[in-house]
Amino acid sequence: WERKKAEERLDWVCGEHLQGCPLYIKHMAIGDPADEILKIIPKEGIDMVVMAKRGRNSRFSFGSVTEKVVKNAPVPVSVVPSE
């Protein structure tokens, strides 16, 4: 059920905000979000990660998932403001 809802949400976001995601990799995973993002970078040959600036449990002005990815990613990570 959770995976189905997540896929529906991802499809909606891509359709509404990213013109259907033609240049993006859509990936669904279960587990720690930061760990899953870090695992897929080398697997898919990703050369840049873009993440939203969001969250409350962090020392920085962005969330703990974004913080962990920024600190550990082997590629550049761009952090963009979220609403």
Protein backbone atom coordinates (compact mmCIF):
# COMPACT_ATOMS: atom_id res chain seq x y z
CA TRP A 1 0.00 0.00 0.00
CA GLU A 2 2.77 2.46 0.93
CA ARG A 3 4.73 1.73 -2.25
CA LYS A 4 1.60 2.21 -4.38
CA LYS A 5 0.83 5.54 -2.72
CA ALA A 6 4.45 6.66 -3.08
CA GLU A 7 4.44 5.77 -6.79
CA GLU A 8 1.19 7.69 -7.29
CA ARG A 9 2.64 10.72 -5.51
CA LEU A 10 5.87 10.57 -7.55
CA ASP A 11 3.91 10.31 -10.79
CA TRP A 12 1.80 13.31 -9.74
CA VAL A 13 4.86 15.43 -8.86
CA CYS A 14 6.54 14.54 -12.16
CA GLY A 15 3.40 15.33 -14.14
CA GLU A 16 2.62 18.58 -12.35
CA HIS A 17 6.07 20.06 -11.85
CA LEU A 18 8.60 18.29 -14.08
CA GLN A 19 6.80 17.80 -17.40
CA GLY A 20 6.55 14.06 -16.80
CA CYS A 21 10.17 13.60 -15.67
CA PRO A 22 11.70 12.90 -19.12
CA LEU A 23 15.25 13.64 -17.91
CA TYR A 24 14.94 12.27 -14.41
CA ILE A 25 15.39 8.85 -12.88
CA LYS A 26 12.36 7.81 -10.85
CA HIS A 27 13.33 5.32 -8.17
CA MET A 28 11.31 3.86 -5.33
CA ALA A 29 13.01 2.26 -2.33
CA ILE A 30 12.17 1.21 1.19
CA GLY A 31 14.65 2.10 3.90
CA ASP A 32 16.57 5.08 5.21
CA PRO A 33 16.05 7.83 2.61
CA ALA A 34 19.63 9.15 2.71
CA ASP A 35 21.14 5.66 2.53
CA GLU A 36 18.91 4.75 -0.41
CA ILE A 37 19.86 7.94 -2.28
CA LEU A 38 23.55 7.31 -1.65
CA LYS A 39 23.21 3.68 -2.86
CA ILE A 40 21.57 4.60 -6.15
CA ILE A 41 24.15 7.24 -7.15
CA PRO A 42 26.82 4.77 -8.31
CA LYS A 43 24.28 2.14 -9.39
CA GLU A 44 22.62 4.50 -11.90
CA GLY A 45 25.74 6.53 -12.74
CA ILE A 46 24.17 9.72 -11.43
CA ASP A 47 26.42 12.74 -11.85
CA MET A 48 24.46 15.26 -9.73
CA VAL A 49 21.79 15.17 -7.03
CA VAL A 50 19.20 17.93 -6.51
CA MET A 51 17.40 17.99 -3.18
CA ALA A 52 14.93 20.25 -1.42
CA LYS A 53 15.99 22.40 1.51
CA ARG A 54 13.63 21.18 4.19
CA GLY A 55 13.54 19.74 7.69
CA ARG A 56 13.77 20.65 11.34
CA ASN A 57 16.10 18.14 13.03
CA SER A 58 19.40 19.42 11.73
CA ARG A 59 22.21 21.77 12.62
CA PHE A 60 22.00 23.32 9.16
CA SER A 61 19.20 25.15 7.38
CA PHE A 62 18.16 21.93 5.65
CA GLY A 63 16.88 18.54 6.76
CA SER A 64 18.83 15.62 8.14
CA VAL A 65 18.39 13.53 4.97
CA THR A 66 19.76 16.35 2.83
CA GLU A 67 22.58 16.91 5.32
CA LYS A 68 23.64 13.24 5.20
CA VAL A 69 23.56 13.16 1.39
CA VAL A 70 25.53 16.42 1.11
CA LYS A 71 28.18 15.09 3.49
CA ASN A 72 28.52 11.64 1.88
CA ALA A 73 27.66 11.88 -1.81
CA PRO A 74 30.45 11.16 -4.30
CA VAL A 75 28.90 13.71 -6.71
CA PRO A 76 27.83 17.35 -6.39
CA VAL A 77 24.60 17.96 -4.49
CA SER A 78 22.51 21.06 -5.20
CA VAL A 79 20.09 22.11 -2.46
CA VAL A 80 17.11 24.18 -3.57
CA PRO A 81 14.55 26.00 -1.42
CA SER A 82 11.21 24.31 -0.78
CA GLU A 83 7.92 25.97 0.00
